PDB file of all heavy atoms in Angstrom:
ATOM      1  N   LEU A   1       0.747   0.672 -11.547  1.00  0.00           N
ATOM      2  CA  LEU A   1       0.196  -0.305 -10.608  1.00  0.00           C
ATOM      3  C   LEU A   1       0.277  -1.697 -11.216  1.00  0.00           C
ATOM      4  O   LEU A   1      -0.681  -2.233 -11.775  1.00  0.00           O
ATOM      5  CB  LEU A   1      -1.251   0.045 -10.241  1.00  0.00           C
ATOM      6  CG  LEU A   1      -1.928  -0.902  -9.218  1.00  0.00           C
ATOM      7  CD1 LEU A   1      -1.061  -1.093  -7.987  1.00  0.00           C
ATOM      8  CD2 LEU A   1      -3.306  -0.383  -8.865  1.00  0.00           C
ATOM      9  N   ILE A   2       1.464  -2.269 -11.130  1.00  0.00           N
ATOM     10  CA  ILE A   2       1.694  -3.655 -11.504  1.00  0.00           C
ATOM     11  C   ILE A   2       2.360  -4.335 -10.313  1.00  0.00           C
ATOM     12  O   ILE A   2       2.809  -3.675  -9.371  1.00  0.00           O
ATOM     13  CB  ILE A   2       2.571  -3.786 -12.762  1.00  0.00           C
ATOM     14  CG1 ILE A   2       3.935  -3.123 -12.535  1.00  0.00           C
ATOM     15  CG2 ILE A   2       1.872  -3.182 -13.975  1.00  0.00           C
ATOM     16  CD1 ILE A   2       4.911  -3.346 -13.691  1.00  0.00           C
ATOM     17  N   ALA A   3       2.413  -5.655 -10.352  1.00  0.00           N
ATOM     18  CA  ALA A   3       2.918  -6.389  -9.197  1.00  0.00           C
ATOM     19  C   ALA A   3       4.343  -5.975  -8.823  1.00  0.00           C
ATOM     20  O   ALA A   3       4.656  -5.776  -7.649  1.00  0.00           O
ATOM     21  CB  ALA A   3       2.848  -7.889  -9.473  1.00  0.00           C
ATOM     22  N   LYS A   4       5.213  -5.835  -9.811  1.00  0.00           N
ATOM     23  CA  LYS A   4       6.616  -5.523  -9.520  1.00  0.00           C
ATOM     24  C   LYS A   4       6.761  -4.174  -8.831  1.00  0.00           C
ATOM     25  O   LYS A   4       7.486  -4.053  -7.830  1.00  0.00           O
ATOM     26  CB  LYS A   4       7.431  -5.537 -10.814  1.00  0.00           C
ATOM     27  CG  LYS A   4       8.933  -5.310 -10.621  1.00  0.00           C
ATOM     28  CD  LYS A   4       9.674  -5.430 -11.935  1.00  0.00           C
ATOM     29  CE  LYS A   4      11.194  -5.304 -11.737  1.00  0.00           C
ATOM     30  NZ  LYS A   4      11.577  -3.976 -11.225  1.00  0.00           N
ATOM     31  N   SER A   5       6.077  -3.155  -9.335  1.00  0.00           N
ATOM     32  CA  SER A   5       6.233  -1.826  -8.739  1.00  0.00           C
ATOM     33  C   SER A   5       5.645  -1.773  -7.337  1.00  0.00           C
ATOM     34  O   SER A   5       6.220  -1.143  -6.442  1.00  0.00           O
ATOM     35  CB  SER A   5       5.584  -0.764  -9.630  1.00  0.00           C
ATOM     36  OG  SER A   5       4.199  -0.985  -9.768  1.00  0.00           O
ATOM     37  N   LEU A   6       4.511  -2.424  -7.126  1.00  0.00           N
ATOM     38  CA  LEU A   6       3.925  -2.412  -5.791  1.00  0.00           C
ATOM     39  C   LEU A   6       4.770  -3.227  -4.817  1.00  0.00           C
ATOM     40  O   LEU A   6       4.956  -2.827  -3.658  1.00  0.00           O
ATOM     41  CB  LEU A   6       2.496  -2.956  -5.840  1.00  0.00           C
ATOM     42  CG  LEU A   6       1.709  -2.917  -4.527  1.00  0.00           C
ATOM     43  CD1 LEU A   6       1.627  -1.489  -3.973  1.00  0.00           C
ATOM     44  CD2 LEU A   6       0.297  -3.473  -4.733  1.00  0.00           C
ATOM     45  N   ALA A   7       5.320  -4.340  -5.286  1.00  0.00           N
ATOM     46  CA  ALA A   7       6.165  -5.174  -4.422  1.00  0.00           C
ATOM     47  C   ALA A   7       7.404  -4.423  -3.953  1.00  0.00           C
ATOM     48  O   ALA A   7       7.923  -4.674  -2.860  1.00  0.00           O
ATOM     49  CB  ALA A   7       6.560  -6.449  -5.154  1.00  0.00           C
ATOM     50  N   GLU A   8       7.889  -3.498  -4.773  1.00  0.00           N
ATOM     51  CA  GLU A   8       9.110  -2.757  -4.434  1.00  0.00           C
ATOM     52  C   GLU A   8       8.825  -1.464  -3.684  1.00  0.00           C
ATOM     53  O   GLU A   8       9.749  -0.723  -3.345  1.00  0.00           O
ATOM     54  CB  GLU A   8       9.877  -2.441  -5.724  1.00  0.00           C
ATOM     55  CG  GLU A   8      10.408  -3.695  -6.422  1.00  0.00           C
ATOM     56  CD  GLU A   8      11.024  -3.398  -7.779  1.00  0.00           C
ATOM     57  OE1 GLU A   8      10.865  -2.242  -8.255  1.00  0.00           O
ATOM     58  OE2 GLU A   8      11.652  -4.303  -8.357  1.00  0.00           O
ATOM     59  N   SER A   9       7.554  -1.197  -3.390  1.00  0.00           N
ATOM     60  CA  SER A   9       7.174   0.066  -2.740  1.00  0.00           C
ATOM     61  C   SER A   9       7.221  -0.047  -1.225  1.00  0.00           C
ATOM     62  O   SER A   9       6.970  -1.115  -0.652  1.00  0.00           O
ATOM     63  CB  SER A   9       5.759   0.473  -3.172  1.00  0.00           C
ATOM     64  OG  SER A   9       5.707   0.708  -4.566  1.00  0.00           O
ATOM     65  N   ASP A  10       7.527   1.055  -0.589  1.00  0.00           N
ATOM     66  CA  ASP A  10       7.505   1.131   0.867  1.00  0.00           C
ATOM     67  C   ASP A  10       6.047   1.128   1.330  1.00  0.00           C
ATOM     68  O   ASP A  10       5.249   1.936   0.843  1.00  0.00           O
ATOM     69  CB  ASP A  10       8.191   2.404   1.333  1.00  0.00           C
ATOM     70  CG  ASP A  10       8.370   2.450   2.839  1.00  0.00           C
ATOM     71  OD1 ASP A  10       7.355   2.323   3.556  1.00  0.00           O
ATOM     72  OD2 ASP A  10       9.508   2.628   3.301  1.00  0.00           O
ATOM     73  N   PRO A  11       5.690   0.247   2.257  1.00  0.00           N
ATOM     74  CA  PRO A  11       4.306   0.199   2.724  1.00  0.00           C
ATOM     75  C   PRO A  11       3.782   1.534   3.260  1.00  0.00           C
ATOM     76  O   PRO A  11       2.590   1.826   3.132  1.00  0.00           O
ATOM     77  CB  PRO A  11       4.335  -0.859   3.832  1.00  0.00           C
ATOM     78  CG  PRO A  11       5.472  -1.756   3.445  1.00  0.00           C
ATOM     79  CD  PRO A  11       6.490  -0.844   2.836  1.00  0.00           C
ATOM     80  N   SER A  12       4.676   2.359   3.824  1.00  0.00           N
ATOM     81  CA  SER A  12       4.226   3.656   4.338  1.00  0.00           C
ATOM     82  C   SER A  12       3.797   4.572   3.199  1.00  0.00           C
ATOM     83  O   SER A  12       2.838   5.344   3.326  1.00  0.00           O
ATOM     84  CB  SER A  12       5.324   4.316   5.175  1.00  0.00           C
ATOM     85  OG  SER A  12       6.481   4.568   4.386  1.00  0.00           O
ATOM     86  N   LEU A  13       4.507   4.516   2.079  1.00  0.00           N
ATOM     87  CA  LEU A  13       4.104   5.283   0.903  1.00  0.00           C
ATOM     88  C   LEU A  13       2.771   4.761   0.373  1.00  0.00           C
ATOM     89  O   LEU A  13       1.875   5.539   0.042  1.00  0.00           O
ATOM     90  CB  LEU A  13       5.171   5.181  -0.188  1.00  0.00           C
ATOM     91  CG  LEU A  13       4.766   5.730  -1.559  1.00  0.00           C
ATOM     92  CD1 LEU A  13       4.466   7.226  -1.484  1.00  0.00           C
ATOM     93  CD2 LEU A  13       5.850   5.441  -2.597  1.00  0.00           C
ATOM     94  N   VAL A  14       2.660   3.455   0.301  1.00  0.00           N
ATOM     95  CA  VAL A  14       1.408   2.843  -0.183  1.00  0.00           C
ATOM     96  C   VAL A  14       0.248   3.252   0.718  1.00  0.00           C
ATOM     97  O   VAL A  14      -0.844   3.593   0.243  1.00  0.00           O
ATOM     98  CB  VAL A  14       1.552   1.312  -0.254  1.00  0.00           C
ATOM     99  CG1 VAL A  14       0.211   0.659  -0.604  1.00  0.00           C
ATOM    100  CG2 VAL A  14       2.621   0.929  -1.271  1.00  0.00           C
ATOM    101  N   GLU A  15       0.488   3.239   2.023  1.00  0.00           N
ATOM    102  CA  GLU A  15      -0.564   3.638   2.966  1.00  0.00           C
ATOM    103  C   GLU A  15      -1.015   5.066   2.700  1.00  0.00           C
ATOM    104  O   GLU A  15      -2.222   5.370   2.723  1.00  0.00           O
ATOM    105  CB  GLU A  15      -0.056   3.504   4.402  1.00  0.00           C
ATOM    106  CG  GLU A  15      -1.104   3.878   5.442  1.00  0.00           C
ATOM    107  CD  GLU A  15      -0.614   3.699   6.863  1.00  0.00           C
ATOM    108  OE1 GLU A  15       0.465   3.093   7.067  1.00  0.00           O
ATOM    109  OE2 GLU A  15      -1.315   4.177   7.784  1.00  0.00           O
ATOM    110  N   SER A  16      -0.064   5.964   2.440  1.00  0.00           N
ATOM    111  CA  SER A  16      -0.432   7.358   2.181  1.00  0.00           C
ATOM    112  C   SER A  16      -1.235   7.495   0.895  1.00  0.00           C
ATOM    113  O   SER A  16      -2.098   8.379   0.781  1.00  0.00           O
ATOM    114  CB  SER A  16       0.830   8.229   2.106  1.00  0.00           C
ATOM    115  OG  SER A  16       1.585   7.962   0.932  1.00  0.00           O
ATOM    116  N   LEU A  17      -0.988   6.625  -0.064  1.00  0.00           N
ATOM    117  CA  LEU A  17      -1.694   6.695  -1.338  1.00  0.00           C
ATOM    118  C   LEU A  17      -3.118   6.141  -1.254  1.00  0.00           C
ATOM    119  O   LEU A  17      -4.005   6.598  -1.979  1.00  0.00           O
ATOM    120  CB  LEU A  17      -0.916   5.936  -2.419  1.00  0.00           C
ATOM    121  CG  LEU A  17       0.412   6.555  -2.855  1.00  0.00           C
ATOM    122  CD1 LEU A  17       1.151   5.622  -3.800  1.00  0.00           C
ATOM    123  CD2 LEU A  17       0.184   7.911  -3.518  1.00  0.00           C
ATOM    124  N   ILE A  18      -3.334   5.158  -0.391  1.00  0.00           N
ATOM    125  CA  ILE A  18      -4.668   4.538  -0.352  1.00  0.00           C
ATOM    126  C   ILE A  18      -5.608   5.199   0.643  1.00  0.00           C
ATOM    127  O   ILE A  18      -6.818   4.961   0.599  1.00  0.00           O
ATOM    128  CB  ILE A  18      -4.587   3.024  -0.086  1.00  0.00           C
ATOM    129  CG1 ILE A  18      -4.092   2.742   1.343  1.00  0.00           C
ATOM    130  CG2 ILE A  18      -3.725   2.340  -1.128  1.00  0.00           C
ATOM    131  CD1 ILE A  18      -4.163   1.267   1.724  1.00  0.00           C
ATOM    132  N   ARG A  19      -5.088   6.017   1.560  1.00  0.00           N
ATOM    133  CA  ARG A  19      -5.990   6.695   2.474  1.00  0.00           C
ATOM    134  C   ARG A  19      -6.945   7.592   1.697  1.00  0.00           C
ATOM    135  O   ARG A  19      -6.551   8.171   0.680  1.00  0.00           O
ATOM    136  CB  ARG A  19      -5.191   7.543   3.484  1.00  0.00           C
ATOM    137  CG  ARG A  19      -4.493   6.694   4.539  1.00  0.00           C
ATOM    138  CD  ARG A  19      -3.887   7.547   5.635  1.00  0.00           C
ATOM    139  NE  ARG A  19      -3.232   6.744   6.636  1.00  0.00           N
ATOM    140  CZ  ARG A  19      -3.869   6.145   7.650  1.00  0.00           C
ATOM    141  NH1 ARG A  19      -5.167   6.291   7.779  1.00  0.00           N
ATOM    142  NH2 ARG A  19      -3.201   5.424   8.520  1.00  0.00           N
ATOM    143  N   PRO A  20      -8.238   7.680   2.096  1.00  0.00           N
ATOM    144  CA  PRO A  20      -8.840   7.265   3.365  1.00  0.00           C
ATOM    145  C   PRO A  20      -9.528   5.900   3.346  1.00  0.00           C
ATOM    146  O   PRO A  20     -10.561   5.697   4.024  1.00  0.00           O
ATOM    147  CB  PRO A  20      -9.875   8.363   3.594  1.00  0.00           C
ATOM    148  CG  PRO A  20     -10.364   8.671   2.212  1.00  0.00           C
ATOM    149  CD  PRO A  20      -9.156   8.524   1.310  1.00  0.00           C
ATOM    150  N   VAL A  21      -9.017   4.938   2.586  1.00  0.00           N
ATOM    151  CA  VAL A  21      -9.537   3.573   2.662  1.00  0.00           C
ATOM    152  C   VAL A  21      -9.507   3.111   4.112  1.00  0.00           C
ATOM    153  O   VAL A  21      -8.550   3.392   4.842  1.00  0.00           O
ATOM    154  CB  VAL A  21      -8.677   2.642   1.773  1.00  0.00           C
ATOM    155  CG1 VAL A  21      -8.918   1.181   2.106  1.00  0.00           C
ATOM    156  CG2 VAL A  21      -8.965   2.898   0.305  1.00  0.00           C
ATOM    157  N   ARG A  22     -10.565   2.431   4.536  1.00  0.00           N
ATOM    158  CA  ARG A  22     -10.605   1.937   5.921  1.00  0.00           C
ATOM    159  C   ARG A  22      -9.491   0.928   6.168  1.00  0.00           C
ATOM    160  O   ARG A  22      -9.173   0.127   5.316  1.00  0.00           O
ATOM    161  CB  ARG A  22     -11.958   1.268   6.212  1.00  0.00           C
ATOM    162  CG  ARG A  22     -13.163   2.198   6.186  1.00  0.00           C
ATOM    163  CD  ARG A  22     -13.173   3.164   7.344  1.00  0.00           C
ATOM    164  NE  ARG A  22     -13.120   2.490   8.636  1.00  0.00           N
ATOM    165  CZ  ARG A  22     -14.194   1.992   9.273  1.00  0.00           C
ATOM    166  NH1 ARG A  22     -15.399   2.113   8.715  1.00  0.00           N
ATOM    167  NH2 ARG A  22     -14.069   1.408  10.435  1.00  0.00           N
ATOM    168  N   PHE A  23      -8.912   0.990   7.372  1.00  0.00           N
ATOM    169  CA  PHE A  23      -7.840   0.085   7.788  1.00  0.00           C
ATOM    170  C   PHE A  23      -6.654   0.169   6.814  1.00  0.00           C
ATOM    171  O   PHE A  23      -6.073  -0.846   6.409  1.00  0.00           O
ATOM    172  CB  PHE A  23      -8.342  -1.356   7.900  1.00  0.00           C
ATOM    173  CG  PHE A  23      -9.594  -1.483   8.719  1.00  0.00           C
ATOM    174  CD1 PHE A  23     -10.790  -1.857   8.123  1.00  0.00           C
ATOM    175  CD2 PHE A  23      -9.594  -1.212  10.079  1.00  0.00           C
ATOM    176  CE1 PHE A  23     -11.952  -1.952   8.859  1.00  0.00           C
ATOM    177  CE2 PHE A  23     -10.750  -1.313  10.835  1.00  0.00           C
ATOM    178  CZ  PHE A  23     -11.939  -1.684  10.224  1.00  0.00           C
ATOM    179  N   ALA A  24      -6.309   1.399   6.434  1.00  0.00           N
ATOM    180  CA  ALA A  24      -5.281   1.620   5.426  1.00  0.00           C
ATOM    181  C   ALA A  24      -3.938   1.027   5.834  1.00  0.00           C
ATOM    182  O   ALA A  24      -3.188   0.526   4.982  1.00  0.00           O
ATOM    183  CB  ALA A  24      -5.132   3.114   5.138  1.00  0.00           C
ATOM    184  N   HIS A  25      -3.599   1.092   7.114  1.00  0.00           N
ATOM    185  CA  HIS A  25      -2.300   0.588   7.557  1.00  0.00           C
ATOM    186  C   HIS A  25      -2.197  -0.919   7.306  1.00  0.00           C
ATOM    187  O   HIS A  25      -1.195  -1.399   6.729  1.00  0.00           O
ATOM    188  CB  HIS A  25      -2.099   0.885   9.042  1.00  0.00           C
ATOM    189  CG  HIS A  25      -0.765   0.441   9.568  1.00  0.00           C
ATOM    190  ND1 HIS A  25       0.410   1.090   9.259  1.00  0.00           N
ATOM    191  CD2 HIS A  25      -0.419  -0.613  10.366  1.00  0.00           C
ATOM    192  CE1 HIS A  25       1.423   0.476   9.850  1.00  0.00           C
ATOM    193  NE2 HIS A  25       0.947  -0.559  10.515  1.00  0.00           N
ATOM    194  N   THR A  26      -3.195  -1.647   7.706  1.00  0.00           N
ATOM    195  CA  THR A  26      -3.184  -3.099   7.516  1.00  0.00           C
ATOM    196  C   THR A  26      -3.277  -3.460   6.037  1.00  0.00           C
ATOM    197  O   THR A  26      -2.544  -4.331   5.542  1.00  0.00           O
ATOM    198  CB  THR A  26      -4.350  -3.742   8.281  1.00  0.00           C
ATOM    199  OG1 THR A  26      -4.196  -3.485   9.679  1.00  0.00           O
ATOM    200  CG2 THR A  26      -4.399  -5.250   8.052  1.00  0.00           C
ATOM    201  N   LYS A  27      -4.152  -2.785   5.323  1.00  0.00           N
ATOM    202  CA  LYS A  27      -4.351  -3.107   3.907  1.00  0.00           C
ATOM    203  C   LYS A  27      -3.115  -2.783   3.084  1.00  0.00           C
ATOM    204  O   LYS A  27      -2.795  -3.508   2.128  1.00  0.00           O
ATOM    205  CB  LYS A  27      -5.575  -2.377   3.364  1.00  0.00           C
ATOM    206  CG  LYS A  27      -6.895  -2.920   3.904  1.00  0.00           C
ATOM    207  CD  LYS A  27      -8.085  -2.133   3.369  1.00  0.00           C
ATOM    208  CE  LYS A  27      -9.393  -2.676   3.896  1.00  0.00           C
ATOM    209  NZ  LYS A  27     -10.572  -1.892   3.428  1.00  0.00           N
ATOM    210  N   SER A  28      -2.410  -1.712   3.415  1.00  0.00           N
ATOM    211  CA  SER A  28      -1.201  -1.380   2.656  1.00  0.00           C
ATOM    212  C   SER A  28      -0.159  -2.480   2.805  1.00  0.00           C
ATOM    213  O   SER A  28       0.481  -2.888   1.820  1.00  0.00           O
ATOM    214  CB  SER A  28      -0.633  -0.035   3.119  1.00  0.00           C
ATOM    215  OG  SER A  28      -0.275  -0.068   4.486  1.00  0.00           O
ATOM    216  N   ALA A  29       0.018  -2.976   4.020  1.00  0.00           N
ATOM    217  CA  ALA A  29       0.976  -4.066   4.235  1.00  0.00           C
ATOM    218  C   ALA A  29       0.539  -5.317   3.481  1.00  0.00           C
ATOM    219  O   ALA A  29       1.366  -6.011   2.861  1.00  0.00           O
ATOM    220  CB  ALA A  29       1.112  -4.364   5.724  1.00  0.00           C
ATOM    221  N   ASN A  30      -0.773  -5.600   3.502  1.00  0.00           N
ATOM    222  CA  ASN A  30      -1.279  -6.804   2.844  1.00  0.00           C
ATOM    223  C   ASN A  30      -1.107  -6.753   1.330  1.00  0.00           C
ATOM    224  O   ASN A  30      -0.727  -7.755   0.713  1.00  0.00           O
ATOM    225  CB  ASN A  30      -2.753  -7.008   3.185  1.00  0.00           C
ATOM    226  CG  ASN A  30      -2.964  -7.499   4.605  1.00  0.00           C
ATOM    227  OD1 ASN A  30      -2.024  -7.913   5.278  1.00  0.00           O
ATOM    228  ND2 ASN A  30      -4.196  -7.452   5.070  1.00  0.00           N
ATOM    229  N   ILE A  31      -1.373  -5.599   0.723  1.00  0.00           N
ATOM    230  CA  ILE A  31      -1.286  -5.563  -0.736  1.00  0.00           C
ATOM    231  C   ILE A  31       0.170  -5.576  -1.212  1.00  0.00           C
ATOM    232  O   ILE A  31       0.470  -6.112  -2.281  1.00  0.00           O
ATOM    233  CB  ILE A  31      -2.069  -4.373  -1.351  1.00  0.00           C
ATOM    234  CG1 ILE A  31      -1.481  -3.029  -0.943  1.00  0.00           C
ATOM    235  CG2 ILE A  31      -3.544  -4.475  -1.010  1.00  0.00           C
ATOM    236  CD1 ILE A  31      -2.149  -1.833  -1.653  1.00  0.00           C
ATOM    237  N   VAL A  32       1.076  -5.022  -0.411  1.00  0.00           N
ATOM    238  CA  VAL A  32       2.497  -5.110  -0.764  1.00  0.00           C
ATOM    239  C   VAL A  32       2.945  -6.566  -0.695  1.00  0.00           C
ATOM    240  O   VAL A  32       3.657  -7.058  -1.587  1.00  0.00           O
ATOM    241  CB  VAL A  32       3.350  -4.213   0.148  1.00  0.00           C
ATOM    242  CG1 VAL A  32       4.844  -4.508  -0.054  1.00  0.00           C
ATOM    243  CG2 VAL A  32       3.070  -2.739  -0.131  1.00  0.00           C
TER     244      VAL A  32
END
């Protein structure tokens, strides 16, 4: 979990990793 690896990640993968965080779809796009 560093900026480069997260920046290169697919938001859909990130979303699957952060669930069940609330508003996971929006937050995954924002953190990428």
